[in-house]
């Protein structure tokens, strides 16, 4: 059974454009919002899986100059009792979804409700939030209906990163906002386990940089101040491209803040120039003297435009807090992105991260850099998320990896489920979806 929903007049399938990668193939948007029940399944869905898999990504209703700026659309599958109960896809109805208005006012202040909400979807303290780093989050239901902008009861007067971190020990939500043309360019925030915003503090950075992600450990928060810097010239052209460019003169550094002293000094450590979109994990060493950070590193990016002309590979940085130095090493040479760990180990020593490779999911052993690939055929996978099986104390191999995979043979998509204990083996279940899911960004499993 399928039903469709009306959407504002526009035809995503007929977008004008110049052949950029995000306008063709499985990057191109879909036109319909669907609901379909009782999805066909190949294999057997593990009966212990009970929840929603939701993933966000851009699905523009009109031509856009950059992949990052399309209207956000959530694609979701409800899994229960060994069945795929339904598939839904819905645009996030932000305040600017119907009535467009600019991100910045004439005086340089921000319109924080102007949002495409297209990057991530997270659940904390009973609220499911669709995120993009340039605005306030938007609360949605697990059935993908938009409730509205969420500002923590009026306490958040800043944007919210699309990559907040939930501490598995305290249940706190750590995040930051950036994008202010005037100081402070970056502000760190913390909400307690009940979802109350309890802390906000500005950070002293040299300029407005594109700070997409950050890292959390049991004792520290790590910020990445890297040389993709706001360009007024690009912004003034008004062509819709990302207003950031590589700056050789800016340098690169990691900022370390103690969680137990959030208004204390942020220590900055110089590193070799690079850019990082996504962190895999970070943790304190056993002796407490160092921090290990693992992330996907680009040697440079966006020197002349907002394109992707360099590969990202997995690197590790070790910050020696006593010596005040950082050692850096490449863990592997595979081109990857979207690394994810078992979120129960966020900020703790995790063994595995799983990333999107070339037609595969790649699982890295983080301490060694060794990798195993699960080949997904001629199409392409999206980000994979880990869902633990059974007991909350089960290890990283006791659970499942879930993610959307495009099948070019039928121009459609599947939700693929792998057994984490047999990563390279055959999928335990493949849920066939009623339409393709365009390549997008990030998502999560929300347990029922």
Protein backbone atom coordinates (compact mmCIF):
# COMPACT_ATOMS: atom_id res chain seq x y z
CA UNK A 1 0.00 0.00 0.00
CA UNK A 2 1.38 3.40 -0.98
CA UNK A 3 0.19 6.93 -0.44
CA UNK A 4 1.73 10.22 -1.48
CA UNK A 5 1.66 13.68 0.05
CA UNK A 6 1.36 17.04 -1.63
CA UNK A 7 4.36 19.31 -1.53
CA UNK A 8 4.91 22.95 -2.53
CA UNK A 9 4.80 23.51 -6.29
CA UNK A 10 8.12 22.47 -7.76
CA UNK A 11 9.41 19.57 -9.79
CA UNK A 12 12.72 18.29 -8.40
CA UNK A 13 13.01 15.79 -11.25
CA UNK A 14 13.12 18.68 -13.72
CA UNK A 15 15.71 20.87 -12.05
CA UNK A 16 17.73 23.10 -14.33
CA UNK A 17 21.45 22.77 -13.84
CA UNK A 18 24.87 22.47 -15.39
CA UNK A 19 25.51 18.77 -14.88
CA UNK A 20 27.17 19.05 -11.48
CA UNK A 21 27.51 15.69 -9.77
CA UNK A 22 24.71 16.38 -7.29
CA UNK A 23 22.20 17.01 -10.08
CA UNK A 24 22.54 13.64 -11.84
CA UNK A 25 22.25 9.92 -11.12
CA UNK A 26 21.49 8.95 -7.55
CA UNK A 27 22.56 12.36 -6.30
CA UNK A 28 19.57 13.92 -8.06
CA UNK A 29 16.48 14.60 -5.93
CA UNK A 30 13.26 12.59 -5.92
CA UNK A 31 9.93 14.27 -6.61
CA UNK A 32 7.48 12.41 -4.38
CA UNK A 33 6.87 12.07 -0.67
CA UNK A 34 5.70 8.49 -0.18
CA UNK A 35 4.42 6.19 2.52
CA UNK A 36 4.53 2.48 1.79
CA UNK A 37 3.69 -0.34 4.20
CA UNK A 38 4.83 -3.98 4.50
CA UNK A 39 8.06 -3.67 2.54
CA UNK A 40 9.49 -6.75 0.77
CA UNK A 41 12.50 -8.28 2.52
CA UNK A 42 15.25 -10.55 1.22
CA UNK A 43 16.70 -12.60 4.08
CA UNK A 44 15.47 -12.20 7.65
CA UNK A 45 15.34 -9.02 9.75
CA UNK A 46 16.76 -9.77 13.22
CA UNK A 47 13.73 -9.85 15.56
CA UNK A 48 15.52 -7.84 18.27
CA UNK A 49 15.61 -4.77 15.99
CA UNK A 50 12.74 -2.54 17.08
CA UNK A 51 12.91 1.08 16.06
CA UNK A 52 13.29 3.64 13.30
CA UNK A 53 16.18 4.12 10.90
CA UNK A 54 16.15 7.78 9.80
CA UNK A 55 18.61 9.42 7.44
CA UNK A 56 18.84 13.03 6.29
CA UNK A 57 20.14 14.55 3.09
CA UNK A 58 19.63 17.30 0.49
CA UNK A 59 16.65 16.99 -1.86
CA UNK A 60 16.36 20.41 -3.53
CA UNK A 61 13.09 21.69 -4.97
CA UNK A 62 14.89 24.14 -7.24
CA UNK A 63 18.35 24.50 -8.72
CA UNK A 64 21.06 24.97 -6.11
CA UNK A 65 24.72 25.84 -6.55
CA UNK A 66 26.16 23.34 -4.08
CA UNK A 67 25.33 19.86 -2.81
CA UNK A 68 25.31 21.15 0.77
CA UNK A 69 22.47 23.63 0.19
CA UNK A 70 19.51 21.51 -1.01
CA UNK A 71 16.30 21.27 1.03
CA UNK A 72 16.52 18.59 3.73
CA UNK A 73 14.58 15.35 3.31
CA UNK A 74 14.38 12.50 5.85
CA UNK A 75 14.05 8.93 4.59
CA UNK A 76 12.86 6.50 7.26
CA UNK A 77 12.09 2.80 7.75
CA UNK A 78 10.19 1.40 10.74
CA UNK A 79 11.42 -2.06 11.78
CA UNK A 80 9.46 -4.16 14.27
CA UNK A 81 8.84 -7.89 14.96
CA UNK A 82 11.13 -8.97 12.14
CA UNK A 83 9.21 -6.86 9.61
CA UNK A 84 9.77 -3.64 7.70
CA UNK A 85 6.51 -1.95 8.68
CA UNK A 86 6.85 1.15 6.53
CA UNK A 87 9.01 3.48 4.46
CA UNK A 88 8.42 7.24 4.49
CA UNK A 89 10.25 10.23 3.05
CA UNK A 90 9.40 13.81 4.02
CA UNK A 91 10.94 17.22 3.50
CA UNK A 92 11.69 19.02 6.75
CA UNK A 93 9.17 21.89 6.81
CA UNK A 94 11.38 24.65 8.19
CA UNK A 95 10.13 28.22 8.48
CA UNK A 96 11.97 29.07 5.25
CA UNK A 97 10.76 25.99 3.37
CA UNK A 98 7.73 27.78 1.92
CA UNK A 99 8.76 31.42 2.33
CA UNK A 100 12.40 31.93 1.48
CA UNK A 101 14.40 34.47 3.44
CA UNK A 102 18.15 35.09 3.67
CA UNK A 103 20.48 33.54 6.20
CA UNK A 104 21.90 36.97 7.14
CA UNK A 105 20.08 40.24 7.78
CA UNK A 106 21.39 43.53 6.43
CA UNK A 107 23.05 44.26 9.79
CA UNK A 108 24.94 40.95 9.71
CA UNK A 109 22.72 39.22 12.27
CA UNK A 110 21.49 35.69 11.61
CA UNK A 111 18.05 34.41 10.70
CA UNK A 112 18.37 31.23 12.72
CA UNK A 113 15.04 29.82 11.50
CA UNK A 114 16.20 30.05 7.88
CA UNK A 115 17.22 26.46 7.39
CA UNK A 116 17.46 23.60 4.95
CA UNK A 117 17.86 21.15 7.90
CA UNK A 118 19.51 18.67 5.56
CA UNK A 119 22.54 17.19 7.33
CA UNK A 120 21.76 14.96 10.31
CA UNK A 121 18.98 13.62 12.51
CA UNK A 122 19.62 12.84 16.19
CA UNK A 123 17.55 11.87 19.19
CA UNK A 124 18.24 13.21 22.69
CA UNK A 125 16.04 13.50 25.78
CA UNK A 126 13.02 12.26 23.87
CA UNK A 127 13.30 14.78 21.02
CA UNK A 128 14.26 13.95 17.44
CA UNK A 129 16.06 16.86 15.77
CA UNK A 130 16.86 17.53 12.11
CA UNK A 131 20.09 19.50 11.90
CA UNK A 132 22.11 21.77 9.66
CA UNK A 133 24.97 23.79 11.10
CA UNK A 134 23.76 27.20 9.89
CA UNK A 135 20.53 27.35 11.92
CA UNK A 136 18.50 26.21 14.88
CA UNK A 137 17.56 22.53 14.93
CA UNK A 138 14.08 21.49 13.82
CA UNK A 139 12.12 18.98 15.87
CA UNK A 140 10.38 16.19 13.96
CA UNK A 141 8.36 13.14 14.93
CA UNK A 142 9.64 9.64 14.28
CA UNK A 143 6.91 9.52 11.61
CA UNK A 144 8.78 12.41 9.94
CA UNK A 145 6.28 15.21 10.51
CA UNK A 146 7.87 18.58 11.32
CA UNK A 147 6.98 20.11 14.70
CA UNK A 148 9.04 23.29 14.37
CA UNK A 149 12.24 25.09 15.29
CA UNK A 150 13.69 24.01 18.63
CA UNK A 151 15.66 26.49 20.75
CA UNK A 152 15.87 24.72 24.13
CA UNK A 153 13.10 26.80 25.66
CA UNK A 154 14.49 30.06 24.32
CA UNK A 155 17.99 29.47 25.73
CA UNK A 156 19.71 28.78 22.39
CA UNK A 157 20.26 31.98 20.42
CA UNK A 158 22.84 30.39 18.16
CA UNK A 159 23.04 27.82 15.40
CA UNK A 160 23.67 24.18 16.30
CA UNK A 161 26.30 21.96 14.72
CA UNK A 162 25.02 19.00 12.71
CA UNK A 163 27.42 16.81 14.71
CA UNK A 164 26.49 17.02 18.41
CA UNK A 165 27.99 14.38 20.71
CA UNK A 166 26.04 12.47 23.35
CA UNK A 167 28.20 11.36 26.26
CA UNK A 168 27.42 7.67 26.92
CA UNK A 169 28.30 8.08 30.62
CA UNK A 170 26.43 11.27 31.59
CA UNK A 171 23.82 11.46 28.83
CA UNK A 172 24.83 15.08 28.20
CA UNK A 173 24.53 16.59 24.73
CA UNK A 174 27.62 18.54 23.70
CA UNK A 175 27.52 20.83 20.66
CA UNK A 176 28.63 24.17 19.30
CA UNK A 177 27.42 26.88 16.97
CA UNK A 178 29.43 28.81 14.43
CA UNK A 179 28.81 31.19 11.54
CA UNK A 180 28.72 34.61 13.17
CA UNK A 181 30.45 37.18 10.99
CA UNK A 182 31.24 39.13 14.15
CA UNK A 183 32.84 37.70 17.31
CA UNK A 184 32.28 35.31 18.88
CA UNK A 185 32.55 33.19 15.75
CA UNK A 186 32.10 29.96 17.75
CA UNK A 187 30.18 29.15 20.95
CA UNK A 188 30.24 25.84 22.82
CA UNK A 189 27.03 24.54 24.42
CA UNK A 190 26.05 21.69 26.73
CA UNK A 191 22.62 20.26 27.54
CA UNK A 192 22.08 17.86 30.43
CA UNK A 193 20.55 14.40 30.11
CA UNK A 194 17.06 15.89 30.46
CA UNK A 195 17.63 18.17 27.48
CA UNK A 196 18.04 21.41 29.47
CA UNK A 197 20.65 23.79 28.05
CA UNK A 198 22.92 24.40 31.02
CA UNK A 199 26.10 25.88 29.60
CA UNK A 200 27.21 28.21 26.79
CA UNK A 201 30.65 29.76 26.35
CA UNK A 202 32.28 31.60 23.46
CA UNK A 203 35.56 30.39 21.97
CA UNK A 204 38.40 32.68 20.95
CA UNK A 205 39.22 31.83 17.33
CA UNK A 206 41.11 34.00 14.87
CA UNK A 207 38.45 34.16 12.15
CA UNK A 208 35.22 32.60 10.93
CA UNK A 209 36.20 29.16 9.67
CA UNK A 210 34.01 26.27 8.54
CA UNK A 211 34.01 24.22 11.75
CA UNK A 212 31.87 21.28 10.70
CA UNK A 213 32.66 18.72 13.42
CA UNK A 214 34.46 18.41 16.77
CA UNK A 215 35.38 15.65 19.22
CA UNK A 216 34.55 14.55 22.74
CA UNK A 217 36.42 12.39 25.25
CA UNK A 218 35.59 11.41 28.82
CA UNK A 219 37.60 14.39 30.07
CA UNK A 220 37.92 16.84 27.17
CA UNK A 221 36.26 18.61 24.25
CA UNK A 222 38.42 19.08 21.13
CA UNK A 223 37.75 21.83 18.57
CA UNK A 224 39.28 21.93 15.07
CA UNK A 225 40.29 25.40 13.85
CA UNK A 226 41.26 24.65 10.24
CA UNK A 227 42.08 26.77 7.18
CA UNK A 228 38.79 26.86 5.27
CA UNK A 229 37.86 30.46 6.04
CA UNK A 230 34.82 32.64 5.35
CA UNK A 231 35.24 34.59 2.12
CA UNK A 232 33.33 37.84 1.90
CA UNK A 233 34.07 38.02 -1.83
CA UNK A 234 32.36 34.68 -2.49
CA UNK A 235 29.46 35.56 -0.21
CA UNK A 236 28.92 38.92 -1.95
CA UNK A 237 28.63 37.26 -5.37
CA UNK A 238 25.34 35.81 -4.18
CA UNK A 239 25.63 32.74 -6.41
CA UNK A 240 24.64 30.26 -3.69
CA UNK A 241 28.04 28.56 -3.42
CA UNK A 242 29.53 27.90 0.01
CA UNK A 243 31.19 31.17 1.11
CA UNK A 244 34.38 29.50 2.38
CA UNK A 245 37.80 29.00 0.76
CA UNK A 246 41.16 27.48 1.65
CA UNK A 247 43.58 29.99 3.21
CA UNK A 248 47.29 29.10 3.22
CA UNK A 249 48.04 31.81 5.77
CA UNK A 250 45.55 30.68 8.39
CA UNK A 251 47.29 27.58 9.73
CA UNK A 252 45.62 24.67 11.54
CA UNK A 253 45.24 23.83 15.21
CA UNK A 254 43.33 21.71 17.72
CA UNK A 255 41.77 23.33 20.78
CA UNK A 256 41.46 21.28 23.99
CA UNK A 257 39.02 22.24 26.75
CA UNK A 258 38.55 20.33 29.99
CA UNK A 259 34.98 19.18 30.53
CA UNK A 260 35.26 19.79 34.28
CA UNK A 261 36.46 23.38 33.66
CA UNK A 262 34.37 24.55 30.68
CA UNK A 263 35.07 28.23 31.29
CA UNK A 264 38.78 27.66 31.73
CA UNK A 265 41.59 27.98 29.22
CA UNK A 266 41.29 26.35 25.81
CA UNK A 267 44.77 25.07 24.93
CA UNK A 268 45.62 25.28 21.23
CA UNK A 269 47.97 22.83 19.52
CA UNK A 270 49.37 23.53 16.05
CA UNK A 271 49.08 20.75 13.43
CA UNK A 272 49.94 20.44 9.74
CA UNK A 273 47.40 22.25 7.54
CA UNK A 274 44.49 20.02 6.53
CA UNK A 275 40.72 19.86 6.63
CA UNK A 276 38.38 17.47 8.46
CA UNK A 277 34.66 17.15 7.81
CA UNK A 278 34.09 14.15 10.07
CA UNK A 279 35.61 12.72 13.23
CA UNK A 280 35.50 8.98 13.81
CA UNK A 281 36.25 9.16 17.55
CA UNK A 282 38.53 10.54 20.24
CA UNK A 283 39.56 9.27 23.67
CA UNK A 284 41.91 9.96 26.55
CA UNK A 285 44.86 7.62 27.02
CA UNK A 286 44.88 5.38 30.08
CA UNK A 287 47.49 7.54 31.85
CA UNK A 288 45.48 10.70 31.17
CA UNK A 289 48.50 12.42 29.64
CA UNK A 290 47.39 12.35 26.01
CA UNK A 291 44.35 12.46 23.73
CA UNK A 292 43.94 10.31 20.61
CA UNK A 293 41.80 11.73 17.79
CA UNK A 294 40.81 9.73 14.69
CA UNK A 295 39.23 11.45 11.68
CA UNK A 296 39.05 11.62 7.89
CA UNK A 297 41.72 14.08 6.73
CA UNK A 298 41.98 16.07 3.49
CA UNK A 299 45.40 17.59 2.67
CA UNK A 300 43.54 20.66 1.39
CA UNK A 301 40.11 21.51 0.01
CA UNK A 302 38.17 24.36 -1.60
CA UNK A 303 41.20 26.33 -2.72
CA UNK A 304 39.49 27.73 -5.81
CA UNK A 305 35.88 26.60 -5.47
CA UNK A 306 33.57 24.47 -3.34
CA UNK A 307 34.36 21.25 -5.20
CA UNK A 308 35.76 17.94 -4.00
CA UNK A 309 39.07 17.44 -5.80
CA UNK A 310 40.96 15.63 -3.04
CA UNK A 311 40.50 12.30 -1.28
CA UNK A 312 39.85 11.95 2.44
CA UNK A 313 41.69 9.17 4.28
CA UNK A 314 41.80 8.01 7.88
CA UNK A 315 44.40 9.67 10.13
CA UNK A 316 45.19 9.71 13.83
CA UNK A 317 46.49 12.59 15.96
CA UNK A 318 47.95 12.11 19.46
CA UNK A 319 47.91 15.27 21.57
CA UNK A 320 50.55 15.14 24.31
CA UNK A 321 49.10 17.36 27.02
CA UNK A 322 52.32 17.46 29.05
CA UNK A 323 54.75 18.18 26.20
CA UNK A 324 52.33 20.47 24.36
CA UNK A 325 52.92 18.67 21.06
CA UNK A 326 50.90 16.69 18.52
CA UNK A 327 52.04 13.64 16.54
CA UNK A 328 50.19 12.77 13.34
CA UNK A 329 50.01 9.57 11.31
CA UNK A 330 48.04 8.18 8.41
CA UNK A 331 46.20 4.96 9.29
CA UNK A 332 45.20 3.86 5.79
CA UNK A 333 45.23 5.06 2.18
CA UNK A 334 41.65 4.22 1.18
CA UNK A 335 39.39 7.07 0.06
CA UNK A 336 36.58 7.11 2.66
CA UNK A 337 34.04 9.36 4.32
CA UNK A 338 31.26 9.33 6.93
CA UNK A 339 33.04 7.28 9.64
CA UNK A 340 30.80 5.94 12.42
CA UNK A 341 31.50 3.99 15.61
CA UNK A 342 29.33 2.22 18.15
CA UNK A 343 27.84 5.36 19.73
CA UNK A 344 27.93 3.74 23.18
CA UNK A 345 31.69 4.29 22.98
CA UNK A 346 31.66 7.94 21.93
CA UNK A 347 34.64 9.56 23.65
CA UNK A 348 35.94 6.20 24.89
CA UNK A 349 38.45 3.82 23.25
CA UNK A 350 36.50 2.22 20.38
CA UNK A 351 38.04 -0.50 18.28
CA UNK A 352 36.06 -0.13 15.05
CA UNK A 353 34.82 2.60 12.76
CA UNK A 354 32.82 1.92 9.62
CA UNK A 355 33.04 4.33 6.68
CA UNK A 356 31.75 4.69 3.14
CA UNK A 357 34.35 3.60 0.59
CA UNK A 358 34.24 3.07 -3.17
CA UNK A 359 31.19 0.78 -3.59
CA UNK A 360 31.75 -0.64 -0.12
CA UNK A 361 31.54 -0.17 3.61
CA UNK A 362 35.01 -0.17 5.16
CA UNK A 363 35.54 -1.25 8.76
CA UNK A 364 38.80 -0.01 10.27
CA UNK A 365 40.49 -1.38 13.35
CA UNK A 366 41.27 2.04 14.82
CA UNK A 367 44.31 1.07 16.93
CA UNK A 368 46.06 -0.61 13.97
CA UNK A 369 44.54 0.92 10.84
CA UNK A 370 43.80 -2.53 9.38
CA UNK A 371 40.63 -2.64 7.29
CA UNK A 372 37.97 -5.08 6.08
CA UNK A 373 35.60 -4.20 3.24
CA UNK A 374 32.03 -5.28 2.56
CA UNK A 375 31.51 -5.00 -1.19
CA UNK A 376 28.09 -3.55 -2.04
CA UNK A 377 28.21 -3.96 -5.79
CA UNK A 378 28.15 -1.44 -8.64
CA UNK A 379 25.93 1.11 -6.90
CA UNK A 380 26.93 3.00 -3.82
CA UNK A 381 26.23 2.95 -0.10
CA UNK A 382 25.37 5.74 2.28
CA UNK A 383 26.58 6.04 5.84
CA UNK A 384 26.25 2.93 8.03
CA UNK A 385 25.12 3.09 11.67
CA UNK A 386 25.71 0.50 14.39
CA UNK A 387 22.81 -0.98 16.34
CA UNK A 388 23.73 -3.12 19.38
CA UNK A 389 22.07 -6.48 19.84
CA UNK A 390 20.49 -7.56 23.10
CA UNK A 391 22.24 -6.43 26.27
CA UNK A 392 23.44 -2.86 26.51
CA UNK A 393 26.84 -4.22 27.55
CA UNK A 394 27.25 -6.26 24.35
CA UNK A 395 30.51 -5.61 22.47
CA UNK A 396 31.18 -3.92 19.14
CA UNK A 397 30.81 -7.20 17.22
CA UNK A 398 27.46 -8.04 18.81
CA UNK A 399 25.06 -6.01 16.73
CA UNK A 400 24.25 -4.85 13.22
CA UNK A 401 25.23 -2.20 10.69
CA UNK A 402 22.38 -0.54 8.77
CA UNK A 403 22.44 1.82 5.82
CA UNK A 404 20.89 2.70 2.49
CA UNK A 405 22.45 1.26 -0.67
CA UNK A 406 21.64 2.30 -4.23
CA UNK A 407 20.94 -0.44 -6.80
CA UNK A 408 21.56 0.95 -10.32
CA UNK A 409 20.11 -2.16 -11.99
CA UNK A 410 16.61 -1.14 -10.94
CA UNK A 411 17.35 2.52 -10.16
CA UNK A 412 16.18 1.85 -6.62
CA UNK A 413 17.49 1.62 -3.08
CA UNK A 414 17.58 -0.89 -0.24
CA UNK A 415 18.10 -0.76 3.50
CA UNK A 416 20.89 -3.29 4.03
CA UNK A 417 21.52 -4.96 7.41
CA UNK A 418 24.88 -6.60 8.16
CA UNK A 419 25.83 -8.78 11.12
CA UNK A 420 28.74 -6.98 12.81
CA UNK A 421 30.33 -10.33 13.71
CA UNK A 422 30.53 -11.26 10.00
CA UNK A 423 31.23 -7.90 8.43
CA UNK A 424 32.44 -9.17 5.05
CA UNK A 425 29.75 -11.85 4.86
CA UNK A 426 26.35 -11.83 3.19
CA UNK A 427 23.82 -9.31 4.47
CA UNK A 428 21.35 -10.82 6.92
CA UNK A 429 18.52 -8.76 5.41
CA UNK A 430 17.90 -6.45 2.47
CA UNK A 431 14.74 -4.33 2.65
CA UNK A 432 13.60 -3.19 -0.79
CA UNK A 433 12.34 0.41 -0.80
CA UNK A 434 9.62 1.80 -3.08
CA UNK A 435 11.88 4.45 -4.60
CA UNK A 436 15.54 5.30 -4.65
CA UNK A 437 17.08 7.22 -1.76
CA UNK A 438 19.43 9.91 -3.13
CA UNK A 439 22.93 9.95 -1.71
CA UNK A 440 22.83 12.09 1.40
CA UNK A 441 24.57 12.69 4.68
CA UNK A 442 23.86 11.32 8.15
CA UNK A 443 21.28 9.41 10.11
CA UNK A 444 20.62 7.36 13.21
CA UNK A 445 18.82 4.38 14.60
CA UNK A 446 16.21 5.38 17.17
CA UNK A 447 15.29 2.48 19.41
CA UNK A 448 11.68 1.94 20.35
